[in-house]
PDB file of N, CA and C in Angstrom:
ATOM      1  N   UNK A   1     -23.106 -22.780  -1.286  1.00  0.00           N
ATOM      2  CA  UNK A   1     -22.756 -22.027  -2.476  1.00  0.00           C
ATOM      3  C   UNK A   1     -22.166 -23.011  -3.485  1.00  0.00           C
ATOM      4  N   UNK A   2     -22.624 -22.977  -4.712  1.00  0.00           N
ATOM      5  CA  UNK A   2     -22.066 -23.855  -5.744  1.00  0.00           C
ATOM      6  C   UNK A   2     -20.597 -23.538  -5.979  1.00  0.00           C
ATOM      7  N   UNK A   3     -19.861 -24.537  -6.424  1.00  0.00           N
ATOM      8  CA  UNK A   3     -18.413 -24.403  -6.575  1.00  0.00           C
ATOM      9  C   UNK A   3     -17.996 -23.355  -7.610  1.00  0.00           C
ATOM     10  N   UNK A   4     -18.737 -23.187  -8.688  1.00  0.00           N
ATOM     11  CA  UNK A   4     -18.337 -22.294  -9.781  1.00  0.00           C
ATOM     12  C   UNK A   4     -18.877 -20.875  -9.650  1.00  0.00           C
ATOM     13  N   UNK A   5     -19.709 -20.597  -8.661  1.00  0.00           N
ATOM     14  CA  UNK A   5     -20.271 -19.251  -8.554  1.00  0.00           C
ATOM     15  C   UNK A   5     -19.266 -18.313  -7.876  1.00  0.00           C
ATOM     16  N   UNK A   6     -19.324 -17.048  -8.255  1.00  0.00           N
ATOM     17  CA  UNK A   6     -18.433 -16.036  -7.710  1.00  0.00           C
ATOM     18  C   UNK A   6     -19.151 -15.361  -6.552  1.00  0.00           C
ATOM     19  N   UNK A   7     -18.525 -15.298  -5.365  1.00  0.00           N
ATOM     20  CA  UNK A   7     -19.182 -14.643  -4.248  1.00  0.00           C
ATOM     21  C   UNK A   7     -19.273 -13.139  -4.469  1.00  0.00           C
ATOM     22  N   UNK A   8     -20.328 -12.539  -3.985  1.00  0.00           N
ATOM     23  CA  UNK A   8     -20.503 -11.095  -4.146  1.00  0.00           C
ATOM     24  C   UNK A   8     -19.796 -10.364  -3.017  1.00  0.00           C
ATOM     25  N   UNK A   9     -19.671  -9.058  -3.153  1.00  0.00           N
ATOM     26  CA  UNK A   9     -19.003  -8.254  -2.137  1.00  0.00           C
ATOM     27  C   UNK A   9     -19.790  -8.234  -0.840  1.00  0.00           C
ATOM     28  N   UNK A  10     -21.065  -8.561  -0.895  1.00  0.00           N
ATOM     29  CA  UNK A  10     -21.890  -8.564   0.300  1.00  0.00           C
ATOM     30  C   UNK A  10     -22.056  -9.961   0.872  1.00  0.00           C
ATOM     31  N   UNK A  11     -21.227 -10.902   0.437  1.00  0.00           N
ATOM     32  CA  UNK A  11     -21.276 -12.268   0.938  1.00  0.00           C
ATOM     33  C   UNK A  11     -21.057 -12.267   2.448  1.00  0.00           C
ATOM     34  N   UNK A  12     -21.723 -13.158   3.145  1.00  0.00           N
ATOM     35  CA  UNK A  12     -21.603 -13.200   4.602  1.00  0.00           C
ATOM     36  C   UNK A  12     -20.236 -13.678   5.063  1.00  0.00           C
ATOM     37  N   UNK A  13     -19.641 -14.603   4.364  1.00  0.00           N
ATOM     38  CA  UNK A  13     -18.375 -15.181   4.787  1.00  0.00           C
ATOM     39  C   UNK A  13     -17.192 -14.436   4.157  1.00  0.00           C
ATOM     40  N   UNK A  14     -16.369 -13.854   4.993  1.00  0.00           N
ATOM     41  CA  UNK A  14     -15.192 -13.144   4.487  1.00  0.00           C
ATOM     42  C   UNK A  14     -14.188 -14.106   3.869  1.00  0.00           C
ATOM     43  N   UNK A  15     -14.213 -15.352   4.285  1.00  0.00           N
ATOM     44  CA  UNK A  15     -13.280 -16.339   3.755  1.00  0.00           C
ATOM     45  C   UNK A  15     -13.586 -16.679   2.298  1.00  0.00           C
ATOM     46  N   UNK A  16     -14.810 -16.426   1.850  1.00  0.00           N
ATOM     47  CA  UNK A  16     -15.195 -16.741   0.476  1.00  0.00           C
ATOM     48  C   UNK A  16     -14.934 -15.591  -0.491  1.00  0.00           C
ATOM     49  N   UNK A  17     -14.479 -14.453   0.017  1.00  0.00           N
ATOM     50  CA  UNK A  17     -14.269 -13.280  -0.831  1.00  0.00           C
ATOM     51  C   UNK A  17     -12.834 -13.198  -1.329  1.00  0.00           C
ATOM     52  N   UNK A  18     -12.682 -12.557  -2.489  1.00  0.00           N
ATOM     53  CA  UNK A  18     -11.346 -12.224  -2.966  1.00  0.00           C
ATOM     54  C   UNK A  18     -10.919 -10.931  -2.271  1.00  0.00           C
ATOM     55  N   UNK A  19      -9.651 -10.565  -2.443  1.00  0.00           N
ATOM     56  CA  UNK A  19      -9.169  -9.319  -1.841  1.00  0.00           C
ATOM     57  C   UNK A  19      -9.947  -8.121  -2.376  1.00  0.00           C
ATOM     58  N   UNK A  20     -10.181  -8.084  -3.678  1.00  0.00           N
ATOM     59  CA  UNK A  20     -10.897  -6.966  -4.294  1.00  0.00           C
ATOM     60  C   UNK A  20     -12.330  -6.877  -3.770  1.00  0.00           C
ATOM     61  N   UNK A  21     -12.971  -8.009  -3.576  1.00  0.00           N
ATOM     62  CA  UNK A  21     -14.335  -8.007  -3.056  1.00  0.00           C
ATOM     63  C   UNK A  21     -14.357  -7.542  -1.598  1.00  0.00           C
ATOM     64  N   UNK A  22     -13.369  -7.946  -0.826  1.00  0.00           N
ATOM     65  CA  UNK A  22     -13.286  -7.491   0.560  1.00  0.00           C
ATOM     66  C   UNK A  22     -13.038  -5.989   0.616  1.00  0.00           C
ATOM     67  N   UNK A  23     -12.172  -5.498  -0.273  1.00  0.00           N
ATOM     68  CA  UNK A  23     -11.889  -4.063  -0.339  1.00  0.00           C
ATOM     69  C   UNK A  23     -13.162  -3.300  -0.716  1.00  0.00           C
ATOM     70  N   UNK A  24     -13.904  -3.801  -1.690  1.00  0.00           N
ATOM     71  CA  UNK A  24     -15.131  -3.137  -2.134  1.00  0.00           C
ATOM     72  C   UNK A  24     -16.205  -3.168  -1.056  1.00  0.00           C
ATOM     73  N   UNK A  25     -16.162  -4.158  -0.175  1.00  0.00           N
ATOM     74  CA  UNK A  25     -17.168  -4.274   0.878  1.00  0.00           C
ATOM     75  C   UNK A  25     -16.936  -3.264   2.002  1.00  0.00           C
ATOM     76  N   UNK A  26     -15.729  -2.690   2.086  1.00  0.00           N
ATOM     77  CA  UNK A  26     -15.456  -1.690   3.114  1.00  0.00           C
ATOM     78  C   UNK A  26     -16.197  -0.396   2.797  1.00  0.00           C
ATOM     79  N   UNK A  27     -16.573   0.353   3.821  1.00  0.00           N
ATOM     80  CA  UNK A  27     -17.193   1.664   3.565  1.00  0.00           C
ATOM     81  C   UNK A  27     -16.215   2.589   2.834  1.00  0.00           C
ATOM     82  N   UNK A  28     -16.744   3.466   2.025  1.00  0.00           N
ATOM     83  CA  UNK A  28     -15.912   4.368   1.220  1.00  0.00           C
ATOM     84  C   UNK A  28     -14.984   5.204   2.094  1.00  0.00           C
ATOM     85  N   UNK A  29     -15.469   5.688   3.217  1.00  0.00           N
ATOM     86  CA  UNK A  29     -14.619   6.516   4.085  1.00  0.00           C
ATOM     87  C   UNK A  29     -13.439   5.721   4.632  1.00  0.00           C
ATOM     88  N   UNK A  30     -13.637   4.453   4.919  1.00  0.00           N
ATOM     89  CA  UNK A  30     -12.548   3.599   5.404  1.00  0.00           C
ATOM     90  C   UNK A  30     -11.513   3.385   4.308  1.00  0.00           C
ATOM     91  N   UNK A  31     -11.964   3.150   3.073  1.00  0.00           N
ATOM     92  CA  UNK A  31     -11.035   2.971   1.954  1.00  0.00           C
ATOM     93  C   UNK A  31     -10.218   4.232   1.717  1.00  0.00           C
ATOM     94  N   UNK A  32     -10.861   5.400   1.816  1.00  0.00           N
ATOM     95  CA  UNK A  32     -10.154   6.667   1.610  1.00  0.00           C
ATOM     96  C   UNK A  32      -9.115   6.877   2.702  1.00  0.00           C
ATOM     97  N   UNK A  33      -9.494   6.635   3.958  1.00  0.00           N
ATOM     98  CA  UNK A  33      -8.560   6.819   5.069  1.00  0.00           C
ATOM     99  C   UNK A  33      -7.372   5.876   4.952  1.00  0.00           C
ATOM    100  N   UNK A  34      -7.616   4.637   4.605  1.00  0.00           N
ATOM    101  CA  UNK A  34      -6.540   3.660   4.445  1.00  0.00           C
ATOM    102  C   UNK A  34      -5.611   4.070   3.308  1.00  0.00           C
ATOM    103  N   UNK A  35      -6.175   4.481   2.181  1.00  0.00           N
ATOM    104  CA  UNK A  35      -5.370   4.898   1.027  1.00  0.00           C
ATOM    105  C   UNK A  35      -4.545   6.142   1.347  1.00  0.00           C
ATOM    106  N   UNK A  36      -5.143   7.111   2.035  1.00  0.00           N
ATOM    107  CA  UNK A  36      -4.402   8.315   2.412  1.00  0.00           C
ATOM    108  C   UNK A  36      -3.292   7.989   3.403  1.00  0.00           C
ATOM    109  N   UNK A  37      -3.525   7.027   4.275  1.00  0.00           N
ATOM    110  CA  UNK A  37      -2.489   6.603   5.214  1.00  0.00           C
ATOM    111  C   UNK A  37      -1.300   6.004   4.484  1.00  0.00           C
ATOM    112  N   UNK A  38      -1.569   5.173   3.494  1.00  0.00           N
ATOM    113  CA  UNK A  38      -0.489   4.580   2.705  1.00  0.00           C
ATOM    114  C   UNK A  38       0.275   5.665   1.945  1.00  0.00           C
ATOM    115  N   UNK A  39      -0.441   6.622   1.380  1.00  0.00           N
ATOM    116  CA  UNK A  39       0.212   7.727   0.658  1.00  0.00           C
ATOM    117  C   UNK A  39       1.069   8.566   1.608  1.00  0.00           C
ATOM    118  N   UNK A  40       0.592   8.789   2.829  1.00  0.00           N
ATOM    119  CA  UNK A  40       1.355   9.572   3.806  1.00  0.00           C
ATOM    120  C   UNK A  40       2.644   8.849   4.192  1.00  0.00           C
ATOM    121  N   UNK A  41       2.576   7.543   4.394  1.00  0.00           N
ATOM    122  CA  UNK A  41       3.775   6.767   4.724  1.00  0.00           C
ATOM    123  C   UNK A  41       4.758   6.808   3.559  1.00  0.00           C
ATOM    124  N   UNK A  42       4.267   6.694   2.340  1.00  0.00           N
ATOM    125  CA  UNK A  42       5.141   6.745   1.164  1.00  0.00           C
ATOM    126  C   UNK A  42       5.806   8.116   1.036  1.00  0.00           C
ATOM    127  N   UNK A  43       5.037   9.183   1.240  1.00  0.00           N
ATOM    128  CA  UNK A  43       5.595  10.538   1.147  1.00  0.00           C
ATOM    129  C   UNK A  43       6.634  10.769   2.242  1.00  0.00           C
ATOM    130  N   UNK A  44       6.365  10.282   3.444  1.00  0.00           N
ATOM    131  CA  UNK A  44       7.333  10.427   4.536  1.00  0.00           C
ATOM    132  C   UNK A  44       8.611   9.663   4.216  1.00  0.00           C
ATOM    133  N   UNK A  45       8.494   8.501   3.613  1.00  0.00           N
ATOM    134  CA  UNK A  45       9.666   7.720   3.236  1.00  0.00           C
ATOM    135  C   UNK A  45      10.510   8.424   2.186  1.00  0.00           C
ATOM    136  N   UNK A  46       9.861   9.018   1.222  1.00  0.00           N
ATOM    137  CA  UNK A  46      10.585   9.760   0.179  1.00  0.00           C
ATOM    138  C   UNK A  46      11.299  10.960   0.789  1.00  0.00           C
ATOM    139  N   UNK A  47      10.604  11.700   1.648  1.00  0.00           N
ATOM    140  CA  UNK A  47      11.198  12.866   2.295  1.00  0.00           C
ATOM    141  C   UNK A  47      12.376  12.459   3.173  1.00  0.00           C
ATOM    142  N   UNK A  48      12.183  11.405   3.966  1.00  0.00           N
ATOM    143  CA  UNK A  48      13.232  10.946   4.863  1.00  0.00           C
ATOM    144  C   UNK A  48      14.457  10.466   4.097  1.00  0.00           C
ATOM    145  N   UNK A  49      14.249   9.786   2.986  1.00  0.00           N
ATOM    146  CA  UNK A  49      15.394   9.318   2.206  1.00  0.00           C
ATOM    147  C   UNK A  49      16.164  10.491   1.617  1.00  0.00           C
ATOM    148  N   UNK A  50      15.471  11.548   1.227  1.00  0.00           N
ATOM    149  CA  UNK A  50      16.160  12.736   0.717  1.00  0.00           C
ATOM    150  C   UNK A  50      16.979  13.413   1.816  1.00  0.00           C
ATOM    151  N   UNK A  51      16.400  13.527   3.013  1.00  0.00           N
ATOM    152  CA  UNK A  51      17.104  14.147   4.132  1.00  0.00           C
ATOM    153  C   UNK A  51      18.334  13.325   4.506  1.00  0.00           C
ATOM    154  N   UNK A  52      18.171  12.014   4.588  1.00  0.00           N
ATOM    155  CA  UNK A  52      19.303  11.159   4.937  1.00  0.00           C
ATOM    156  C   UNK A  52      20.384  11.184   3.867  1.00  0.00           C
ATOM    157  N   UNK A  53      19.989  11.289   2.611  1.00  0.00           N
ATOM    158  CA  UNK A  53      20.970  11.357   1.529  1.00  0.00           C
ATOM    159  C   UNK A  53      21.810  12.623   1.635  1.00  0.00           C
ATOM    160  N   UNK A  54      21.178  13.736   2.020  1.00  0.00           N
ATOM    161  CA  UNK A  54      21.919  14.992   2.158  1.00  0.00           C
ATOM    162  C   UNK A  54      22.848  14.949   3.369  1.00  0.00           C
ATOM    163  N   UNK A  55      22.390  14.374   4.468  1.00  0.00           N
ATOM    164  CA  UNK A  55      23.191  14.308   5.685  1.00  0.00           C
ATOM    165  C   UNK A  55      24.335  13.309   5.584  1.00  0.00           C
ATOM    166  N   UNK A  56      24.090  12.194   4.946  1.00  0.00           N
ATOM    167  CA  UNK A  56      25.056  11.104   4.928  1.00  0.00           C
ATOM    168  C   UNK A  56      25.553  10.825   3.518  1.00  0.00           C
ATOM    169  N   UNK A  57      25.792  11.882   2.763  1.00  0.00           N
ATOM    170  CA  UNK A  57      26.205  11.680   1.377  1.00  0.00           C
ATOM    171  C   UNK A  57      27.567  10.993   1.330  1.00  0.00           C
ATOM    172  N   UNK A  58      27.711  10.123   0.383  1.00  0.00           N
ATOM    173  CA  UNK A  58      28.959   9.383   0.221  1.00  0.00           C
ATOM    174  C   UNK A  58      30.024  10.296  -0.382  1.00  0.00           C
ATOM    175  N   UNK A  59      31.249  10.094   0.056  1.00  0.00           N
ATOM    176  CA  UNK A  59      32.338  10.872  -0.507  1.00  0.00           C
ATOM    177  C   UNK A  59      32.671  10.297  -1.868  1.00  0.00           C
ATOM    178  N   UNK A  60      33.008  11.166  -2.837  1.00  0.00           N
ATOM    179  CA  UNK A  60      33.345  10.659  -4.166  1.00  0.00           C
ATOM    180  C   UNK A  60      34.597   9.799  -4.124  1.00  0.00           C
ATOM    181  N   UNK A  61      34.605   8.735  -4.890  1.00  0.00           N
ATOM    182  CA  UNK A  61      35.756   7.834  -4.961  1.00  0.00           C
ATOM    183  C   UNK A  61      36.829   8.412  -5.849  1.00  0.00           C
ATOM    184  N   UNK A  62      38.038   8.031  -5.532  1.00  0.00           N
ATOM    185  CA  UNK A  62      39.146   8.428  -6.405  1.00  0.00           C
ATOM    186  C   UNK A  62      39.182   7.486  -7.588  1.00  0.00           C
ATOM    187  N   UNK A  63      39.397   8.031  -8.753  1.00  0.00           N
ATOM    188  CA  UNK A  63      39.483   7.194  -9.949  1.00  0.00           C
ATOM    189  C   UNK A  63      40.853   6.527 -10.011  1.00  0.00           C
ATOM    190  N   UNK A  64      40.849   5.243 -10.225  1.00  0.00           N
ATOM    191  CA  UNK A  64      42.126   4.536 -10.372  1.00  0.00           C
ATOM    192  C   UNK A  64      42.256   4.113 -11.830  1.00  0.00           C
ATOM    193  N   UNK A  65      43.283   4.622 -12.487  1.00  0.00           N
ATOM    194  CA  UNK A  65      43.484   4.309 -13.911  1.00  0.00           C
ATOM    195  C   UNK A  65      44.459   3.198 -14.103  1.00  0.00           C
TER     196      UNK A  65
END
């Protein structure tokens, strides 16, 4: 492969691809499942942080003037 050419998403060597090209080379169903998994982890983290905040809320500090 010439030095200045850009490898395509269907290139045989994964080492020659960029991250975006590797992502595009994955089947659509795999990309959807991976993306939904990341969204589920993010949603669980948000929910868990809210629950922990309610359970372990900090006591208000006394104002010192």
